[in-house]
PDB file of N, CA and C in Angstrom:
ATOM      1  N   MET A   1      22.283 190.121  99.511  1.00  0.00           N
ATOM      2  CA  MET A   1      23.226 189.023  99.541  1.00  0.00           C
ATOM      3  C   MET A   1      22.748 187.902 100.468  1.00  0.00           C
ATOM      4  N   LEU A   2      22.160 188.240 101.562  1.00  0.00           N
ATOM      5  CA  LEU A   2      21.656 187.252 102.494  1.00  0.00           C
ATOM      6  C   LEU A   2      20.593 186.374 101.823  1.00  0.00           C
ATOM      7  N   PHE A   3      19.714 186.983 101.031  1.00  0.00           N
ATOM      8  CA  PHE A   3      18.662 186.237 100.332  1.00  0.00           C
ATOM      9  C   PHE A   3      19.275 185.197  99.402  1.00  0.00           C
ATOM     10  N   HIS A   4      20.337 185.584  98.709  1.00  0.00           N
ATOM     11  CA  HIS A   4      21.012 184.656  97.804  1.00  0.00           C
ATOM     12  C   HIS A   4      21.559 183.452  98.573  1.00  0.00           C
ATOM     13  N   ASP A   5      22.186 183.672  99.720  1.00  0.00           N
ATOM     14  CA  ASP A   5      22.744 182.584 100.518  1.00  0.00           C
ATOM     15  C   ASP A   5      21.650 181.629 100.999  1.00  0.00           C
ATOM     16  N   VAL A   6      20.517 182.175 101.388  1.00  0.00           N
ATOM     17  CA  VAL A   6      19.407 181.355 101.852  1.00  0.00           C
ATOM     18  C   VAL A   6      18.869 180.503 100.704  1.00  0.00           C
ATOM     19  N   LYS A   7      18.775 181.086  99.536  1.00  0.00           N
ATOM     20  CA  LYS A   7      18.263 180.361  98.376  1.00  0.00           C
ATOM     21  C   LYS A   7      19.203 179.216  97.996  1.00  0.00           C
ATOM     22  N   VAL A   8      20.488 179.454  98.023  1.00  0.00           N
ATOM     23  CA  VAL A   8      21.459 178.410  97.706  1.00  0.00           C
ATOM     24  C   VAL A   8      21.350 177.287  98.725  1.00  0.00           C
ATOM     25  N   HIS A   9      21.211 177.632  99.994  1.00  0.00           N
ATOM     26  CA  HIS A   9      21.088 176.623 101.038  1.00  0.00           C
ATOM     27  C   HIS A   9      19.821 175.789 100.833  1.00  0.00           C
ATOM     28  N   ALA A  10      18.731 176.437 100.488  1.00  0.00           N
ATOM     29  CA  ALA A  10      17.473 175.725 100.273  1.00  0.00           C
ATOM     30  C   ALA A  10      17.604 174.763  99.093  1.00  0.00           C
ATOM     31  N   SER A  11      18.276 175.190  98.032  1.00  0.00           N
ATOM     32  CA  SER A  11      18.461 174.324  96.875  1.00  0.00           C
ATOM     33  C   SER A  11      19.311 173.119  97.234  1.00  0.00           C
ATOM     34  N   ALA A  12      20.378 173.342  97.994  1.00  0.00           N
ATOM     35  CA  ALA A  12      21.239 172.243  98.413  1.00  0.00           C
ATOM     36  C   ALA A  12      20.464 171.284  99.314  1.00  0.00           C
ATOM     37  N   SER A  13      19.624 171.827 100.165  1.00  0.00           N
ATOM     38  CA  SER A  13      18.810 171.006 101.053  1.00  0.00           C
ATOM     39  C   SER A  13      17.834 170.142 100.259  1.00  0.00           C
ATOM     40  N   THR A  14      17.223 170.716  99.224  1.00  0.00           N
ATOM     41  CA  THR A  14      16.287 169.970  98.378  1.00  0.00           C
ATOM     42  C   THR A  14      17.005 168.836  97.665  1.00  0.00           C
ATOM     43  N   LEU A  15      18.194 169.115  97.136  1.00  0.00           N
ATOM     44  CA  LEU A  15      18.963 168.075  96.452  1.00  0.00           C
ATOM     45  C   LEU A  15      19.352 166.967  97.420  1.00  0.00           C
ATOM     46  N   ALA A  16      19.738 167.342  98.641  1.00  0.00           N
ATOM     47  CA  ALA A  16      20.106 166.342  99.636  1.00  0.00           C
ATOM     48  C   ALA A  16      18.905 165.460  99.962  1.00  0.00           C
ATOM     49  N   ARG A  17      17.730 166.041 100.084  1.00  0.00           N
ATOM     50  CA  ARG A  17      16.520 165.269 100.382  1.00  0.00           C
ATOM     51  C   ARG A  17      16.197 164.315  99.231  1.00  0.00           C
ATOM     52  N   GLU A  18      16.337 164.782  97.998  1.00  0.00           N
ATOM     53  CA  GLU A  18      16.086 163.912  96.845  1.00  0.00           C
ATOM     54  C   GLU A  18      17.059 162.731  96.840  1.00  0.00           C
ATOM     55  N   ASP A  19      18.331 162.998  97.155  1.00  0.00           N
ATOM     56  CA  ASP A  19      19.318 161.920  97.225  1.00  0.00           C
ATOM     57  C   ASP A  19      18.962 160.920  98.323  1.00  0.00           C
ATOM     58  N   GLN A  20      18.520 161.429  99.475  1.00  0.00           N
ATOM     59  CA  GLN A  20      18.135 160.546 100.576  1.00  0.00           C
ATOM     60  C   GLN A  20      16.964 159.651 100.175  1.00  0.00           C
ATOM     61  N   LEU A  21      15.984 160.227  99.494  1.00  0.00           N
ATOM     62  CA  LEU A  21      14.840 159.436  99.050  1.00  0.00           C
ATOM     63  C   LEU A  21      15.270 158.371  98.045  1.00  0.00           C
ATOM     64  N   ALA A  22      16.155 158.749  97.128  1.00  0.00           N
ATOM     65  CA  ALA A  22      16.637 157.784  96.135  1.00  0.00           C
ATOM     66  C   ALA A  22      17.364 156.623  96.818  1.00  0.00           C
ATOM     67  N   TRP A  23      18.203 156.922  97.798  1.00  0.00           N
ATOM     68  CA  TRP A  23      18.925 155.862  98.497  1.00  0.00           C
ATOM     69  C   TRP A  23      17.989 155.005  99.332  1.00  0.00           C
ATOM     70  N   LYS A  24      16.952 155.625  99.881  1.00  0.00           N
ATOM     71  CA  LYS A  24      15.962 154.850 100.647  1.00  0.00           C
ATOM     72  C   LYS A  24      15.248 153.857  99.734  1.00  0.00           C
ATOM     73  N   VAL A  25      14.912 154.286  98.528  1.00  0.00           N
ATOM     74  CA  VAL A  25      14.283 153.372  97.564  1.00  0.00           C
ATOM     75  C   VAL A  25      15.235 152.233  97.231  1.00  0.00           C
ATOM     76  N   ARG A  26      16.496 152.564  96.969  1.00  0.00           N
ATOM     77  CA  ARG A  26      17.472 151.522  96.620  1.00  0.00           C
ATOM     78  C   ARG A  26      17.621 150.495  97.741  1.00  0.00           C
ATOM     79  N   ALA A  27      17.663 150.977  98.975  1.00  0.00           N
ATOM     80  CA  ALA A  27      17.767 150.060 100.120  1.00  0.00           C
ATOM     81  C   ALA A  27      16.519 149.187 100.215  1.00  0.00           C
ATOM     82  N   ALA A  28      15.358 149.780 100.006  1.00  0.00           N
ATOM     83  CA  ALA A  28      14.107 149.023 100.066  1.00  0.00           C
ATOM     84  C   ALA A  28      14.053 147.980  98.949  1.00  0.00           C
ATOM     85  N   LEU A  29      14.598 148.314  97.782  1.00  0.00           N
ATOM     86  CA  LEU A  29      14.633 147.357  96.676  1.00  0.00           C
ATOM     87  C   LEU A  29      15.469 146.131  97.049  1.00  0.00           C
ATOM     88  N   ARG A  30      16.598 146.367  97.679  1.00  0.00           N
ATOM     89  CA  ARG A  30      17.474 145.258  98.077  1.00  0.00           C
ATOM     90  C   ARG A  30      16.792 144.326  99.067  1.00  0.00           C
ATOM     91  N   LEU A  31      15.896 144.897  99.878  1.00  0.00           N
ATOM     92  CA  LEU A  31      15.188 144.114 100.889  1.00  0.00           C
ATOM     93  C   LEU A  31      13.812 143.627 100.414  1.00  0.00           C
ATOM     94  N   ALA A  32      13.476 143.950  99.150  1.00  0.00           N
ATOM     95  CA  ALA A  32      12.169 143.613  98.579  1.00  0.00           C
ATOM     96  C   ALA A  32      11.030 144.167  99.432  1.00  0.00           C
ATOM     97  N   ARG A  33      11.239 145.370  99.962  1.00  0.00           N
ATOM     98  CA  ARG A  33      10.205 146.055 100.743  1.00  0.00           C
ATOM     99  C   ARG A  33       9.420 146.949  99.797  1.00  0.00           C
ATOM    100  N   TRP A  34       8.502 146.343  99.046  1.00  0.00           N
ATOM    101  CA  TRP A  34       7.771 147.042  98.001  1.00  0.00           C
ATOM    102  C   TRP A  34       6.891 148.157  98.538  1.00  0.00           C
ATOM    103  N   ASP A  35       6.382 147.996  99.749  1.00  0.00           N
ATOM    104  CA  ASP A  35       5.567 149.051 100.347  1.00  0.00           C
ATOM    105  C   ASP A  35       6.391 150.307 100.584  1.00  0.00           C
ATOM    106  N   VAL A  36       7.639 150.135 101.041  1.00  0.00           N
ATOM    107  CA  VAL A  36       8.535 151.269 101.282  1.00  0.00           C
ATOM    108  C   VAL A  36       8.959 151.898  99.954  1.00  0.00           C
ATOM    109  N   VAL A  37       9.200 151.065  98.939  1.00  0.00           N
ATOM    110  CA  VAL A  37       9.556 151.578  97.612  1.00  0.00           C
ATOM    111  C   VAL A  37       8.473 152.532  97.122  1.00  0.00           C
ATOM    112  N   ARG A  38       7.234 152.059  97.140  1.00  0.00           N
ATOM    113  CA  ARG A  38       6.113 152.865  96.636  1.00  0.00           C
ATOM    114  C   ARG A  38       5.912 154.131  97.471  1.00  0.00           C
ATOM    115  N   GLU A  39       5.913 154.007  98.774  1.00  0.00           N
ATOM    116  CA  GLU A  39       5.693 155.164  99.647  1.00  0.00           C
ATOM    117  C   GLU A  39       6.794 156.206  99.492  1.00  0.00           C
ATOM    118  N   THR A  40       8.032 155.758  99.322  1.00  0.00           N
ATOM    119  CA  THR A  40       9.155 156.694  99.199  1.00  0.00           C
ATOM    120  C   THR A  40       9.138 157.394  97.848  1.00  0.00           C
ATOM    121  N   ILE A  41       8.831 156.675  96.790  1.00  0.00           N
ATOM    122  CA  ILE A  41       8.728 157.309  95.474  1.00  0.00           C
ATOM    123  C   ILE A  41       7.610 158.345  95.492  1.00  0.00           C
ATOM    124  N   ASP A  42       6.522 158.057  96.211  1.00  0.00           N
ATOM    125  CA  ASP A  42       5.434 159.033  96.348  1.00  0.00           C
ATOM    126  C   ASP A  42       5.903 160.343  96.982  1.00  0.00           C
ATOM    127  N   LEU A  43       6.939 160.289  97.795  1.00  0.00           N
ATOM    128  CA  LEU A  43       7.461 161.489  98.471  1.00  0.00           C
ATOM    129  C   LEU A  43       8.386 162.325  97.586  1.00  0.00           C
ATOM    130  N   MET A  44       8.838 161.755  96.480  1.00  0.00           N
ATOM    131  CA  MET A  44       9.754 162.464  95.581  1.00  0.00           C
ATOM    132  C   MET A  44       9.027 163.603  94.872  1.00  0.00           C
ATOM    133  N   PRO A  45       9.773 164.662  94.499  1.00  0.00           N
ATOM    134  CA  PRO A  45       9.168 165.729  93.693  1.00  0.00           C
ATOM    135  C   PRO A  45       8.619 165.143  92.395  1.00  0.00           C
ATOM    136  N   THR A  46       7.582 165.741  91.866  1.00  0.00           N
ATOM    137  CA  THR A  46       6.918 165.229  90.677  1.00  0.00           C
ATOM    138  C   THR A  46       7.892 164.997  89.523  1.00  0.00           C
ATOM    139  N   SER A  47       8.778 165.944  89.277  1.00  0.00           N
ATOM    140  CA  SER A  47       9.709 165.795  88.147  1.00  0.00           C
ATOM    141  C   SER A  47      10.618 164.585  88.332  1.00  0.00           C
ATOM    142  N   THR A  48      11.038 164.313  89.545  1.00  0.00           N
ATOM    143  CA  THR A  48      11.881 163.151  89.822  1.00  0.00           C
ATOM    144  C   THR A  48      11.069 161.875  89.729  1.00  0.00           C
ATOM    145  N   ARG A  49       9.891 161.892  90.319  1.00  0.00           N
ATOM    146  CA  ARG A  49       9.007 160.727  90.340  1.00  0.00           C
ATOM    147  C   ARG A  49       8.653 160.259  88.921  1.00  0.00           C
ATOM    148  N   HIS A  50       8.633 161.176  87.964  1.00  0.00           N
ATOM    149  CA  HIS A  50       8.259 160.828  86.586  1.00  0.00           C
ATOM    150  C   HIS A  50       9.445 160.404  85.731  1.00  0.00           C
ATOM    151  N   GLU A  51      10.635 160.356  86.301  1.00  0.00           N
ATOM    152  CA  GLU A  51      11.786 159.842  85.556  1.00  0.00           C
ATOM    153  C   GLU A  51      11.573 158.355  85.318  1.00  0.00           C
ATOM    154  N   SER A  52      12.057 157.867  84.187  1.00  0.00           N
ATOM    155  CA  SER A  52      11.751 156.488  83.775  1.00  0.00           C
ATOM    156  C   SER A  52      12.142 155.436  84.815  1.00  0.00           C
ATOM    157  N   ALA A  53      13.262 155.590  85.466  1.00  0.00           N
ATOM    158  CA  ALA A  53      13.680 154.590  86.456  1.00  0.00           C
ATOM    159  C   ALA A  53      12.688 154.503  87.606  1.00  0.00           C
ATOM    160  N   TRP A  54      12.241 155.655  88.090  1.00  0.00           N
ATOM    161  CA  TRP A  54      11.330 155.648  89.237  1.00  0.00           C
ATOM    162  C   TRP A  54       9.929 155.191  88.847  1.00  0.00           C
ATOM    163  N   THR A  55       9.482 155.519  87.640  1.00  0.00           N
ATOM    164  CA  THR A  55       8.164 155.016  87.225  1.00  0.00           C
ATOM    165  C   THR A  55       8.215 153.499  87.048  1.00  0.00           C
ATOM    166  N   TYR A  56       9.347 152.992  86.567  1.00  0.00           N
ATOM    167  CA  TYR A  56       9.518 151.548  86.440  1.00  0.00           C
ATOM    168  C   TYR A  56       9.415 150.873  87.808  1.00  0.00           C
ATOM    169  N   TRP A  57      10.204 151.345  88.776  1.00  0.00           N
ATOM    170  CA  TRP A  57      10.203 150.725  90.099  1.00  0.00           C
ATOM    171  C   TRP A  57       8.874 150.912  90.809  1.00  0.00           C
ATOM    172  N   TYR A  58       8.202 152.018  90.559  1.00  0.00           N
ATOM    173  CA  TYR A  58       6.879 152.232  91.146  1.00  0.00           C
ATOM    174  C   TYR A  58       5.899 151.182  90.602  1.00  0.00           C
ATOM    175  N   GLY A  59       5.952 150.954  89.298  1.00  0.00           N
ATOM    176  CA  GLY A  59       5.110 149.933  88.685  1.00  0.00           C
ATOM    177  C   GLY A  59       5.419 148.549  89.213  1.00  0.00           C
ATOM    178  N   ARG A  60       6.704 148.243  89.384  1.00  0.00           N
ATOM    179  CA  ARG A  60       7.097 146.951  89.953  1.00  0.00           C
ATOM    180  C   ARG A  60       6.579 146.804  91.368  1.00  0.00           C
ATOM    181  N   ALA A  61       6.638 147.893  92.148  1.00  0.00           N
ATOM    182  CA  ALA A  61       6.147 147.849  93.528  1.00  0.00           C
ATOM    183  C   ALA A  61       4.645 147.591  93.551  1.00  0.00           C
ATOM    184  N   LEU A  62       3.919 148.269  92.686  1.00  0.00           N
ATOM    185  CA  LEU A  62       2.470 148.053  92.618  1.00  0.00           C
ATOM    186  C   LEU A  62       2.154 146.605  92.247  1.00  0.00           C
ATOM    187  N   ALA A  63       2.856 146.095  91.250  1.00  0.00           N
ATOM    188  CA  ALA A  63       2.623 144.722  90.808  1.00  0.00           C
ATOM    189  C   ALA A  63       2.956 143.731  91.928  1.00  0.00           C
ATOM    190  N   ALA A  64       4.047 143.969  92.640  1.00  0.00           N
ATOM    191  CA  ALA A  64       4.450 143.082  93.734  1.00  0.00           C
ATOM    192  C   ALA A  64       3.434 143.096  94.863  1.00  0.00           C
ATOM    193  N   GLN A  65       2.717 144.189  95.006  1.00  0.00           N
ATOM    194  CA  GLN A  65       1.702 144.304  96.053  1.00  0.00           C
ATOM    195  C   GLN A  65       0.328 143.879  95.556  1.00  0.00           C
ATOM    196  N   GLY A  66       0.273 143.350  94.325  1.00  0.00           N
ATOM    197  CA  GLY A  66      -0.983 142.872  93.782  1.00  0.00           C
ATOM    198  C   GLY A  66      -1.925 143.981  93.346  1.00  0.00           C
ATOM    199  N   LYS A  67      -1.387 145.163  93.129  1.00  0.00           N
ATOM    200  CA  LYS A  67      -2.207 146.287  92.681  1.00  0.00           C
ATOM    201  C   LYS A  67      -2.053 146.448  91.176  1.00  0.00           C
ATOM    202  N   PRO A  68      -3.120 146.868  90.505  1.00  0.00           N
ATOM    203  CA  PRO A  68      -3.005 147.059  89.059  1.00  0.00           C
ATOM    204  C   PRO A  68      -1.914 148.097  88.739  1.00  0.00           C
ATOM    205  N   ALA A  69      -1.096 147.755  87.786  1.00  0.00           N
ATOM    206  CA  ALA A  69      -0.011 148.664  87.417  1.00  0.00           C
ATOM    207  C   ALA A  69       0.121 148.688  85.897  1.00  0.00           C
ATOM    208  N   TYR A  70       0.726 149.730  85.408  1.00  0.00           N
ATOM    209  CA  TYR A  70       1.019 149.820  83.988  1.00  0.00           C
ATOM    210  C   TYR A  70       2.280 150.650  83.814  1.00  0.00           C
ATOM    211  N   ILE A  71       2.915 150.456  82.674  1.00  0.00           N
ATOM    212  CA  ILE A  71       4.091 151.249  82.318  1.00  0.00           C
ATOM    213  C   ILE A  71       3.693 152.122  81.143  1.00  0.00           C
ATOM    214  N   LEU A  72       4.034 153.387  81.219  1.00  0.00           N
ATOM    215  CA  LEU A  72       3.670 154.363  80.200  1.00  0.00           C
ATOM    216  C   LEU A  72       4.937 154.895  79.538  1.00  0.00           C
ATOM    217  N   ALA A  73       4.954 154.916  78.233  1.00  0.00           N
ATOM    218  CA  ALA A  73       6.087 155.474  77.485  1.00  0.00           C
ATOM    219  C   ALA A  73       5.542 156.410  76.424  1.00  0.00           C
ATOM    220  N   TYR A  74       6.115 157.602  76.347  1.00  0.00           N
ATOM    221  CA  TYR A  74       5.656 158.570  75.349  1.00  0.00           C
ATOM    222  C   TYR A  74       6.849 159.365  74.830  1.00  0.00           C
ATOM    223  N   PRO A  75       6.714 159.958  73.636  1.00  0.00           N
ATOM    224  CA  PRO A  75       7.848 160.674  73.040  1.00  0.00           C
ATOM    225  C   PRO A  75       8.237 161.905  73.846  1.00  0.00           C
ATOM    226  N   ALA A  76       9.534 162.128  73.953  1.00  0.00           N
ATOM    227  CA  ALA A  76      10.029 163.301  74.669  1.00  0.00           C
ATOM    228  C   ALA A  76       9.592 164.580  73.963  1.00  0.00           C
ATOM    229  N   GLU A  77       9.659 164.558  72.639  1.00  0.00           N
ATOM    230  CA  GLU A  77       9.201 165.702  71.832  1.00  0.00           C
ATOM    231  C   GLU A  77       8.273 165.168  70.750  1.00  0.00           C
ATOM    232  N   TYR A  78       7.018 165.526  70.855  1.00  0.00           N
ATOM    233  CA  TYR A  78       6.025 165.047  69.899  1.00  0.00           C
ATOM    234  C   TYR A  78       6.444 165.405  68.471  1.00  0.00           C
ATOM    235  N   ARG A  79       6.362 164.465  67.585  1.00  0.00           N
ATOM    236  CA  ARG A  79       6.714 164.533  66.166  1.00  0.00           C
ATOM    237  C   ARG A  79       8.225 164.595  65.913  1.00  0.00           C
ATOM    238  N   SER A  80       9.014 164.920  66.914  1.00  0.00           N
ATOM    239  CA  SER A  80      10.456 164.934  66.730  1.00  0.00           C
ATOM    240  C   SER A  80      11.047 163.568  67.100  1.00  0.00           C
ATOM    241  N   SER A  81      10.620 163.053  68.252  1.00  0.00           N
ATOM    242  CA  SER A  81      11.132 161.750  68.689  1.00  0.00           C
ATOM    243  C   SER A  81      10.082 160.650  68.574  1.00  0.00           C
ATOM    244  N   GLY A  82       8.923 160.976  68.024  1.00  0.00           N
ATOM    245  CA  GLY A  82       7.871 159.982  67.842  1.00  0.00           C
ATOM    246  C   GLY A  82       6.508 160.621  68.030  1.00  0.00           C
ATOM    247  N   VAL A  83       5.458 159.829  67.804  1.00  0.00           N
ATOM    248  CA  VAL A  83       4.100 160.345  67.988  1.00  0.00           C
ATOM    249  C   VAL A  83       3.257 159.453  68.888  1.00  0.00           C
ATOM    250  N   MET A  84       3.605 158.180  68.982  1.00  0.00           N
ATOM    251  CA  MET A  84       2.759 157.244  69.709  1.00  0.00           C
ATOM    252  C   MET A  84       3.118 157.178  71.196  1.00  0.00           C
ATOM    253  N   THR A  85       2.071 157.049  72.009  1.00  0.00           N
ATOM    254  CA  THR A  85       2.206 156.783  73.429  1.00  0.00           C
ATOM    255  C   THR A  85       1.868 155.309  73.623  1.00  0.00           C
ATOM    256  N   PHE A  86       2.662 154.620  74.430  1.00  0.00           N
ATOM    257  CA  PHE A  86       2.469 153.194  74.651  1.00  0.00           C
ATOM    258  C   PHE A  86       2.176 152.925  76.118  1.00  0.00           C
ATOM    259  N   VAL A  87       1.296 151.977  76.354  1.00  0.00           N
ATOM    260  CA  VAL A  87       0.989 151.515  77.703  1.00  0.00           C
ATOM    261  C   VAL A  87       1.189 150.005  77.719  1.00  0.00           C
ATOM    262  N   VAL A  88       1.925 149.537  78.712  1.00  0.00           N
ATOM    263  CA  VAL A  88       2.088 148.101  78.924  1.00  0.00           C
ATOM    264  C   VAL A  88       1.352 147.769  80.211  1.00  0.00           C
ATOM    265  N   THR A  89       0.360 146.903  80.120  1.00  0.00           N
ATOM    266  CA  THR A  89      -0.433 146.546  81.296  1.00  0.00           C
ATOM    267  C   THR A  89       0.312 145.532  82.162  1.00  0.00           C
ATOM    268  N   ALA A  90      -0.204 145.290  83.346  1.00  0.00           N
ATOM    269  CA  ALA A  90       0.391 144.309  84.257  1.00  0.00           C
ATOM    270  C   ALA A  90       0.414 142.920  83.632  1.00  0.00           C
ATOM    271  N   LYS A  91      -0.480 142.660  82.683  1.00  0.00           N
ATOM    272  CA  LYS A  91      -0.522 141.362  81.998  1.00  0.00           C
ATOM    273  C   LYS A  91       0.384 141.321  80.775  1.00  0.00           C
ATOM    274  N   GLY A  92       1.107 142.421  80.509  1.00  0.00           N
ATOM    275  CA  GLY A  92       2.045 142.463  79.393  1.00  0.00           C
ATOM    276  C   GLY A  92       1.440 142.842  78.061  1.00  0.00           C
ATOM    277  N   VAL A  93       0.189 143.285  78.049  1.00  0.00           N
ATOM    278  CA  VAL A  93      -0.450 143.708  76.803  1.00  0.00           C
ATOM    279  C   VAL A  93      -0.017 145.142  76.504  1.00  0.00           C
ATOM    280  N   VAL A  94       0.391 145.392  75.256  1.00  0.00           N
ATOM    281  CA  VAL A  94       0.850 146.719  74.853  1.00  0.00           C
ATOM    282  C   VAL A  94      -0.230 147.400  74.018  1.00  0.00           C
ATOM    283  N   TYR A  95      -0.599 148.605  74.443  1.00  0.00           N
ATOM    284  CA  TYR A  95      -1.562 149.423  73.705  1.00  0.00           C
ATOM    285  C   TYR A  95      -0.866 150.694  73.244  1.00  0.00           C
ATOM    286  N   GLU A  96      -1.374 151.279  72.163  1.00  0.00           N
ATOM    287  CA  GLU A  96      -0.795 152.516  71.648  1.00  0.00           C
ATOM    288  C   GLU A  96      -1.891 153.504  71.282  1.00  0.00           C
ATOM    289  N   LYS A  97      -1.490 154.791  71.302  1.00  0.00           N
ATOM    290  CA  LYS A  97      -2.425 155.858  70.956  1.00  0.00           C
ATOM    291  C   LYS A  97      -1.625 157.117  70.652  1.00  0.00           C
ATOM    292  N   ASP A  98      -2.092 157.888  69.698  1.00  0.00           N
ATOM    293  CA  ASP A  98      -1.504 159.194  69.395  1.00  0.00           C
ATOM    294  C   ASP A  98      -2.259 160.224  70.238  1.00  0.00           C
ATOM    295  N   LEU A  99      -1.591 160.783  71.236  1.00  0.00           N
ATOM    296  CA  LEU A  99      -2.232 161.759  72.121  1.00  0.00           C
ATOM    297  C   LEU A  99      -2.189 163.181  71.562  1.00  0.00           C
ATOM    298  N   GLY A 100      -1.506 163.372  70.449  1.00  0.00           N
ATOM    299  CA  GLY A 100      -1.468 164.687  69.816  1.00  0.00           C
ATOM    300  C   GLY A 100      -0.378 165.598  70.351  1.00  0.00           C
ATOM    301  N   ALA A 101      -0.474 166.859  69.976  1.00  0.00           N
ATOM    302  CA  ALA A 101       0.567 167.847  70.312  1.00  0.00           C
ATOM    303  C   ALA A 101       0.755 168.037  71.819  1.00  0.00           C
ATOM    304  N   ASN A 102      -0.257 167.746  72.620  1.00  0.00           N
ATOM    305  CA  ASN A 102      -0.147 167.890  74.080  1.00  0.00           C
ATOM    306  C   ASN A 102       0.224 166.573  74.754  1.00  0.00           C
ATOM    307  N   THR A 103       0.905 165.703  74.047  1.00  0.00           N
ATOM    308  CA  THR A 103       1.254 164.382  74.564  1.00  0.00           C
ATOM    309  C   THR A 103       1.929 164.453  75.925  1.00  0.00           C
ATOM    310  N   SER A 104       2.960 165.260  76.053  1.00  0.00           N
ATOM    311  CA  SER A 104       3.716 165.313  77.306  1.00  0.00           C
ATOM    312  C   SER A 104       2.824 165.671  78.490  1.00  0.00           C
ATOM    313  N   THR A 105       1.989 166.681  78.330  1.00  0.00           N
ATOM    314  CA  THR A 105       1.092 167.107  79.406  1.00  0.00           C
ATOM    315  C   THR A 105       0.069 166.030  79.725  1.00  0.00           C
ATOM    316  N   LEU A 106      -0.554 165.489  78.695  1.00  0.00           N
ATOM    317  CA  LEU A 106      -1.582 164.465  78.901  1.00  0.00           C
ATOM    318  C   LEU A 106      -1.007 163.200  79.528  1.00  0.00           C
ATOM    319  N   ALA A 107       0.109 162.739  78.995  1.00  0.00           N
ATOM    320  CA  ALA A 107       0.699 161.500  79.491  1.00  0.00           C
ATOM    321  C   ALA A 107       1.196 161.644  80.924  1.00  0.00           C
ATOM    322  N   SER A 108       1.841 162.759  81.226  1.00  0.00           N
ATOM    323  CA  SER A 108       2.376 162.920  82.582  1.00  0.00           C
ATOM    324  C   SER A 108       1.292 163.119  83.626  1.00  0.00           C
ATOM    325  N   SER A 109       0.074 163.434  83.194  1.00  0.00           N
ATOM    326  CA  SER A 109      -1.011 163.602  84.161  1.00  0.00           C
ATOM    327  C   SER A 109      -1.882 162.350  84.296  1.00  0.00           C
ATOM    328  N   MET A 110      -1.531 161.289  83.566  1.00  0.00           N
ATOM    329  CA  MET A 110      -2.318 160.049  83.649  1.00  0.00           C
ATOM    330  C   MET A 110      -2.040 159.344  84.977  1.00  0.00           C
ATOM    331  N   ALA A 111      -3.018 159.345  85.864  1.00  0.00           N
ATOM    332  CA  ALA A 111      -2.861 158.669  87.147  1.00  0.00           C
ATOM    333  C   ALA A 111      -3.181 157.183  87.029  1.00  0.00           C
ATOM    334  N   THR A 112      -4.079 156.845  86.129  1.00  0.00           N
ATOM    335  CA  THR A 112      -4.447 155.446  85.892  1.00  0.00           C
ATOM    336  C   THR A 112      -4.638 155.238  84.398  1.00  0.00           C
ATOM    337  N   PHE A 113      -4.645 153.993  84.000  1.00  0.00           N
ATOM    338  CA  PHE A 113      -4.894 153.666  82.597  1.00  0.00           C
ATOM    339  C   PHE A 113      -6.282 153.064  82.483  1.00  0.00           C
ATOM    340  N   ARG A 114      -7.087 153.685  81.664  1.00  0.00           N
ATOM    341  CA  ARG A 114      -8.419 153.166  81.372  1.00  0.00           C
ATOM    342  C   ARG A 114      -8.512 152.924  79.873  1.00  0.00           C
ATOM    343  N   LYS A 115      -8.539 151.658  79.500  1.00  0.00           N
ATOM    344  CA  LYS A 115      -8.615 151.336  78.081  1.00  0.00           C
ATOM    345  C   LYS A 115     -10.009 151.679  77.567  1.00  0.00           C
ATOM    346  N   ASP A 116     -10.016 152.407  76.459  1.00  0.00           N
ATOM    347  CA  ASP A 116     -11.265 152.690  75.762  1.00  0.00           C
ATOM    348  C   ASP A 116     -11.043 152.419  74.279  1.00  0.00           C
ATOM    349  N   ALA A 117     -12.010 152.762  73.465  1.00  0.00           N
ATOM    350  CA  ALA A 117     -11.936 152.463  72.032  1.00  0.00           C
ATOM    351  C   ALA A 117     -10.814 153.211  71.313  1.00  0.00           C
ATOM    352  N   THR A 118     -10.268 154.260  71.921  1.00  0.00           N
ATOM    353  CA  THR A 118      -9.214 155.041  71.263  1.00  0.00           C
ATOM    354  C   THR A 118      -7.833 154.406  71.403  1.00  0.00           C
ATOM    355  N   TRP A 119      -7.668 153.457  72.323  1.00  0.00           N
ATOM    356  CA  TRP A 119      -6.413 152.729  72.473  1.00  0.00           C
ATOM    357  C   TRP A 119      -6.501 151.456  71.647  1.00  0.00           C
ATOM    358  N   ARG A 120      -5.442 151.139  70.904  1.00  0.00           N
ATOM    359  CA  ARG A 120      -5.467 149.910  70.123  1.00  0.00           C
ATOM    360  C   ARG A 120      -4.241 149.069  70.471  1.00  0.00           C
ATOM    361  N   ALA A 121      -4.391 147.770  70.336  1.00  0.00           N
ATOM    362  CA  ALA A 121      -3.269 146.867  70.609  1.00  0.00           C
ATOM    363  C   ALA A 121      -2.137 147.182  69.633  1.00  0.00           C
ATOM    364  N   ALA A 122      -0.936 147.305  70.174  1.00  0.00           N
ATOM    365  CA  ALA A 122       0.221 147.613  69.330  1.00  0.00           C
ATOM    366  C   ALA A 122       0.614 146.376  68.532  1.00  0.00           C
ATOM    367  N   ASP A 123       1.052 146.583  67.298  1.00  0.00           N
ATOM    368  CA  ASP A 123       1.507 145.483  66.456  1.00  0.00           C
ATOM    369  C   ASP A 123       2.810 144.948  67.004  1.00  0.00           C
ATOM    370  N   GLU A 124       2.980 143.675  66.873  1.00  0.00           N
ATOM    371  CA  GLU A 124       4.203 143.026  67.338  1.00  0.00           C
ATOM    372  C   GLU A 124       5.368 143.390  66.470  1.00  0.00           C
TER     373      GLU A 124
END
């Protein structure tokens, strides 16, 4: 029983920390402190950091700091909700590519975007 209580406390502590980080980002956004936005999002757990809102603000922070940034969008379930992965560069150019059945794994592990011959400009 003691182990169960400790586990519940640890889970509550983790959730509290995630909430604190989220509020810190929101406060930094209000103050246009892009360095704090980026650093705080970096501290979030990977699953939280990859949520669309946080990836958006992370990209905005990078762009505001003059660092190359891109926005990545991919289907939640390959072939069920779509097949194409899209990248929007800091210059607003949209590229697309079919990453295949492992789309979720491949896309979520992309640390940077490197355009090669397999990416093509998306049709308007």
